[in-house]
Amino acid sequence: MSKKTMLYVTAVALLVAGCASNQQLLGSEQDTALQVAVRRGQFEMSCPSATGTVLSSNILQPVLWNGIERAEYTIGVAGCGQKATYISVCQLGSSSCLAVSGRNAASW
């Protein structure tokens, strides 16, 4: 195998490994992010039976060189005839997450 072919195979392998690790990182923080958003939604809606669904997730790149990576989740919370969307941001490798208000939908 030539050096060029070997380099190409290595680059593809690293790319595939990087994608898998991002998904694993997102999966490891998802439960905490969901729980934080649902608790906030239950409080704001005065609805202890409200439940949540993860709508999307993404790894945020650090702002500064050698900065902290974070996971961002968009979470829909619904209950008691109300809906709201929250953005949960979690520091990767930590159990700290913050849920901020997204957009509240009209009562349905």
C-alpha atoms as a PDB file:
ATOM      1  CA  MET A   1       0.000   0.000   0.000  1.00  0.00           C
ATOM      2  CA  SER A   2       1.379   3.429  -0.901  1.00  0.00           C
ATOM      3  CA  LYS A   3       1.888   6.209   1.634  1.00  0.00           C
ATOM      4  CA  LYS A   4      -0.852   8.260  -0.004  1.00  0.00           C
ATOM      5  CA  THR A   5      -3.362   5.403   0.270  1.00  0.00           C
ATOM      6  CA  MET A   6      -2.336   4.725   3.868  1.00  0.00           C
ATOM      7  CA  LEU A   7      -2.779   8.402   4.738  1.00  0.00           C
ATOM      8  CA  TYR A   8      -6.235   8.439   3.129  1.00  0.00           C
ATOM      9  CA  VAL A   9      -7.344   5.307   5.015  1.00  0.00           C
ATOM     10  CA  THR A  10      -6.087   6.780   8.300  1.00  0.00           C
ATOM     11  CA  ALA A  11      -7.897  10.084   7.693  1.00  0.00           C
ATOM     12  CA  VAL A  12     -11.191   8.307   6.947  1.00  0.00           C
ATOM     13  CA  ALA A  13     -10.811   6.128  10.054  1.00  0.00           C
ATOM     14  CA  LEU A  14     -10.205   9.191  12.240  1.00  0.00           C
ATOM     15  CA  LEU A  15     -13.213  10.947  10.742  1.00  0.00           C
ATOM     16  CA  VAL A  16     -15.485   7.977  11.441  1.00  0.00           C
ATOM     17  CA  ALA A  17     -14.129   7.628  14.987  1.00  0.00           C
ATOM     18  CA  GLY A  18     -14.727  11.339  15.624  1.00  0.00           C
ATOM     19  CA  CYS A  19     -18.381  11.088  14.596  1.00  0.00           C
ATOM     20  CA  ALA A  20     -18.978   8.115  16.853  1.00  0.00           C
ATOM     21  CA  SER A  21     -17.435   9.854  19.841  1.00  0.00           C
ATOM     22  CA  ASN A  22     -19.590  12.981  19.350  1.00  0.00           C
ATOM     23  CA  GLN A  23     -22.717  10.816  19.359  1.00  0.00           C
ATOM     24  CA  GLN A  24     -21.523   9.055  22.501  1.00  0.00           C
ATOM     25  CA  LEU A  25     -20.833  12.393  24.198  1.00  0.00           C
ATOM     26  CA  LEU A  26     -24.263  13.714  23.264  1.00  0.00           C
ATOM     27  CA  GLY A  27     -25.891  10.520  24.500  1.00  0.00           C
ATOM     28  CA  SER A  28     -24.102  10.639  27.839  1.00  0.00           C
ATOM     29  CA  GLU A  29     -25.372  14.157  28.647  1.00  0.00           C
ATOM     30  CA  GLN A  30     -28.862  13.811  27.171  1.00  0.00           C
ATOM     31  CA  ASP A  31     -30.681  12.488  30.257  1.00  0.00           C
ATOM     32  CA  THR A  32     -29.396  15.312  32.469  1.00  0.00           C
ATOM     33  CA  ALA A  33     -30.248  17.947  29.836  1.00  0.00           C
ATOM     34  CA  LEU A  34     -33.757  16.529  29.451  1.00  0.00           C
ATOM     35  CA  GLN A  35     -34.318  16.408  33.214  1.00  0.00           C
ATOM     36  CA  VAL A  36     -33.220  20.042  33.705  1.00  0.00           C
ATOM     37  CA  ALA A  37     -35.482  21.319  30.908  1.00  0.00           C
ATOM     38  CA  VAL A  38     -38.477  19.297  32.094  1.00  0.00           C
ATOM     39  CA  ARG A  39     -38.086  20.583  35.669  1.00  0.00           C
ATOM     40  CA  ARG A  40     -37.980  24.160  34.420  1.00  0.00           C
ATOM     41  CA  GLY A  41     -41.003  23.574  32.197  1.00  0.00           C
ATOM     42  CA  GLN A  42     -42.968  21.964  35.029  1.00  0.00           C
ATOM     43  CA  PHE A  43     -42.244  25.000  37.219  1.00  0.00           C
ATOM     44  CA  GLU A  44     -42.989  27.657  34.585  1.00  0.00           C
ATOM     45  CA  MET A  45     -46.186  25.930  33.425  1.00  0.00           C
ATOM     46  CA  SER A  46     -47.273  25.021  36.988  1.00  0.00           C
ATOM     47  CA  CYS A  47     -47.695  21.520  35.614  1.00  0.00           C
ATOM     48  CA  PRO A  48     -45.930  18.715  37.527  1.00  0.00           C
ATOM     49  CA  SER A  49     -47.077  16.156  34.945  1.00  0.00           C
ATOM     50  CA  ALA A  50     -45.345  17.875  31.971  1.00  0.00           C
ATOM     51  CA  THR A  51     -42.993  15.665  29.964  1.00  0.00           C
ATOM     52  CA  GLY A  52     -40.145  16.396  27.576  1.00  0.00           C
ATOM     53  CA  THR A  53     -38.762  15.248  24.262  1.00  0.00           C
ATOM     54  CA  VAL A  54     -35.303  15.921  22.832  1.00  0.00           C
ATOM     55  CA  LEU A  55     -35.846  17.618  19.480  1.00  0.00           C
ATOM     56  CA  SER A  56     -32.201  18.095  18.465  1.00  0.00           C
ATOM     57  CA  SER A  57     -28.660  17.987  19.820  1.00  0.00           C
ATOM     58  CA  ASN A  58     -25.329  19.451  18.832  1.00  0.00           C
ATOM     59  CA  ILE A  59     -21.749  19.784  20.083  1.00  0.00           C
ATOM     60  CA  LEU A  60     -20.789  23.447  20.527  1.00  0.00           C
ATOM     61  CA  GLN A  61     -17.228  24.346  19.620  1.00  0.00           C
ATOM     62  CA  PRO A  62     -15.230  26.160  22.311  1.00  0.00           C
ATOM     63  CA  VAL A  63     -15.134  29.929  21.954  1.00  0.00           C
ATOM     64  CA  LEU A  64     -11.526  30.153  23.106  1.00  0.00           C
ATOM     65  CA  TRP A  65      -8.594  28.002  22.122  1.00  0.00           C
ATOM     66  CA  ASN A  66      -8.404  25.056  24.530  1.00  0.00           C
ATOM     67  CA  GLY A  67     -11.829  26.071  25.876  1.00  0.00           C
ATOM     68  CA  ILE A  68     -14.623  23.937  27.236  1.00  0.00           C
ATOM     69  CA  GLU A  69     -16.769  21.902  24.859  1.00  0.00           C
ATOM     70  CA  ARG A  70     -20.477  21.932  25.519  1.00  0.00           C
ATOM     71  CA  ALA A  71     -23.471  19.976  24.323  1.00  0.00           C
ATOM     72  CA  GLU A  72     -26.618  21.830  23.289  1.00  0.00           C
ATOM     73  CA  TYR A  73     -30.059  20.227  23.264  1.00  0.00           C
ATOM     74  CA  THR A  74     -33.372  21.643  22.054  1.00  0.00           C
ATOM     75  CA  ILE A  75     -36.077  20.139  24.224  1.00  0.00           C
ATOM     76  CA  GLY A  76     -39.845  20.379  23.856  1.00  0.00           C
ATOM     77  CA  VAL A  77     -41.886  20.231  27.070  1.00  0.00           C
ATOM     78  CA  ALA A  78     -45.654  19.700  27.010  1.00  0.00           C
ATOM     79  CA  GLY A  79     -48.357  19.258  29.628  1.00  0.00           C
ATOM     80  CA  CYS A  80     -51.574  20.724  31.042  1.00  0.00           C
ATOM     81  CA  GLY A  81     -52.536  22.091  27.610  1.00  0.00           C
ATOM     82  CA  GLN A  82     -49.287  24.026  27.201  1.00  0.00           C
ATOM     83  CA  LYS A  83     -46.075  23.645  25.194  1.00  0.00           C
ATOM     84  CA  ALA A  84     -42.659  25.263  25.537  1.00  0.00           C
ATOM     85  CA  THR A  85     -39.225  24.857  23.998  1.00  0.00           C
ATOM     86  CA  TYR A  86     -36.016  25.022  26.036  1.00  0.00           C
ATOM     87  CA  ILE A  87     -32.353  25.023  25.164  1.00  0.00           C
ATOM     88  CA  SER A  88     -30.253  22.960  27.569  1.00  0.00           C
ATOM     89  CA  VAL A  89     -26.495  23.459  27.519  1.00  0.00           C
ATOM     90  CA  CYS A  90     -24.245  20.994  29.342  1.00  0.00           C
ATOM     91  CA  GLN A  91     -20.521  21.080  29.959  1.00  0.00           C
ATOM     92  CA  LEU A  92     -19.155  17.841  28.529  1.00  0.00           C
ATOM     93  CA  GLY A  93     -17.746  15.494  31.139  1.00  0.00           C
ATOM     94  CA  SER A  94     -19.644  17.245  33.928  1.00  0.00           C
ATOM     95  CA  SER A  95     -23.092  16.890  35.417  1.00  0.00           C
ATOM     96  CA  SER A  96     -23.809  20.629  35.144  1.00  0.00           C
ATOM     97  CA  CYS A  97     -26.528  21.700  32.724  1.00  0.00           C
ATOM     98  CA  LEU A  98     -28.509  24.902  32.293  1.00  0.00           C
ATOM     99  CA  ALA A  99     -31.904  25.184  30.631  1.00  0.00           C
ATOM    100  CA  VAL A 100     -32.891  28.545  29.178  1.00  0.00           C
ATOM    101  CA  SER A 101     -36.299  29.516  27.875  1.00  0.00           C
ATOM    102  CA  GLY A 102     -36.953  29.055  24.252  1.00  0.00           C
ATOM    103  CA  ARG A 103     -40.335  29.902  22.791  1.00  0.00           C
ATOM    104  CA  ASN A 104     -43.676  29.207  24.450  1.00  0.00           C
ATOM    105  CA  ALA A 105     -46.477  28.051  22.209  1.00  0.00           C
ATOM    106  CA  ALA A 106     -50.033  29.196  22.685  1.00  0.00           C
ATOM    107  CA  SER A 107     -52.248  26.935  24.756  1.00  0.00           C
ATOM    108  CA  TRP A 108     -53.693  24.121  22.714  1.00  0.00           C
END
